[in-house]
Amino acid sequence: MKFTFKTTMRACFMSYIAHAAVNNFVPLLFVTFQQDYHIPLDKITLLVTVNFGVQLIVDLLAAKFVDRIGYRPSAVAAQLLAAAGLALLTVLPGLMDPFMGILLSVIVYALGGGLIEVIVSPIVESCPTDNKQAAMSLLHSFYCWGHVGVVLISTLFFHLAGVGNWRVLALIWAVLPILNSAVFCFTPLAPLLPEEKGMGMRELLSNKAFWLLFVMMLCAGASEQSVSQWASAFAERGLGVSKTLGDLMGPMAFAALMGLSRALYGKFGQRARLDRVMRLGAALCAVSYLLVALPSSPAVNLLGGGLCGLSVGIMWPGTLSKASAALPAGGTAMFALLALGGDLGCSGGPTLVGLVGGAAGGDMKPGLLLSGGFALIMLICLFTKTPKHKGTNPPET
């Protein structure tokens, strides 16, 4: 097999499918864990918080160690940790307190997920491509297609084999990152900044443009995951539909529309200004949260969830593209810190929904309504002019 930069791009795409499995397989089992292991809602919420909290810590530490140990070892380790966490999920709950077993498994695969998030975007950014914005949007669309695949295949598996056999499926999902780790051992990797030194942590943290982008990443993560992480449980418990229908109409519809928006921008994005597309997405996202939280009609609530997926699609990759243009010397530290901001939102948004939902007696709608505020903050940021880093001449976005 001949390894080229096209192979590298494909391995990065597959990494985001593995990342989707890490983030979205366990949420499909939240109700199952509550029923089989008698785990209360507040502890289920903790699984989401810990998953993205660990990824957040990895984001912070990776700014220091990835450049030292290299992208190749980091990429291989990320895949193997993701696989190990999914595999441990099948055995640890039976060897100790079930909640602690699940929690430890989540921590292991979150280490891999955090590394994937930090290193894959700069690897794609460094590959020789004609349109960096389109490549970044296409990359992140694979997270969505992975999410769709996780929900669709898992739902079909649960329907045919029964939810009780979820451990077998966890092992199946672990195969992908194992195979991908072998590809990363041999595929070529280009240096991120071949001609200039990347900005350091201190320089980034003193830069106004960086902080604006950091807040945007936080809002992007919160807007995306507040609905995504709770879509299955919300549909099954809050709307009273079956698990199969709830998974198909909840998380899968959300992921499919999010992937569609990213794929369309990746193909046609050169014809539209990024800022305008992101502003439209943020405004639509705020409306979608109102549709999820306020009406009493399950059909309208599910429609709102789908619209949320469509509207948030460009937020995360769009912010990374704006960052690459505004701070072209940002380097590994910038991608790591922005991933940290995104994971802070990914953790904080669903945690807010779960805590408010627990206080409201299991009703997710009040928490989802509050989480809609993240889309409004994103909209405000997008109407704030991004300060340009001195010494650069970033292209128009």
Foldseek 3Di string as FASTA:
>chain_A
DDFEVVLVLVLLLLLLLLLLCLLAQVLLCLVVCCVPQVDDLLLSLVLLLLLLVLLLVLLQCCLPPCVPVHLLVLLLQLLLQLLQLLLQLLPQCVVDVNSVSNSVSSNSNSNSSSSSQLRSLLQLLQRDDDDSLLSLLLSNLSNLVSNLVSLVVVLVCCVVVNPVVVSVVSNVSSVSSNVSSVSSNDHDTGDSCPDDAADHPVVLVVAPLLVLLLLLLLLLLLLLQLQQSCQQVCCVPVVVDPSSVSSCLGNNLLSVLLSVLSNVCSVPVVVDALLVLLLVLLVQSLVLLCQLQPDPDSVSNSVSRNSSSNSSNCSNSSSVVVCCQQRVRNPSSSSSSSSSSNSNNNSVNNSQQSVVCVVVVNNSRVSSNVSSVSSVSSNVSSPDDRDHDPPHDGDGD
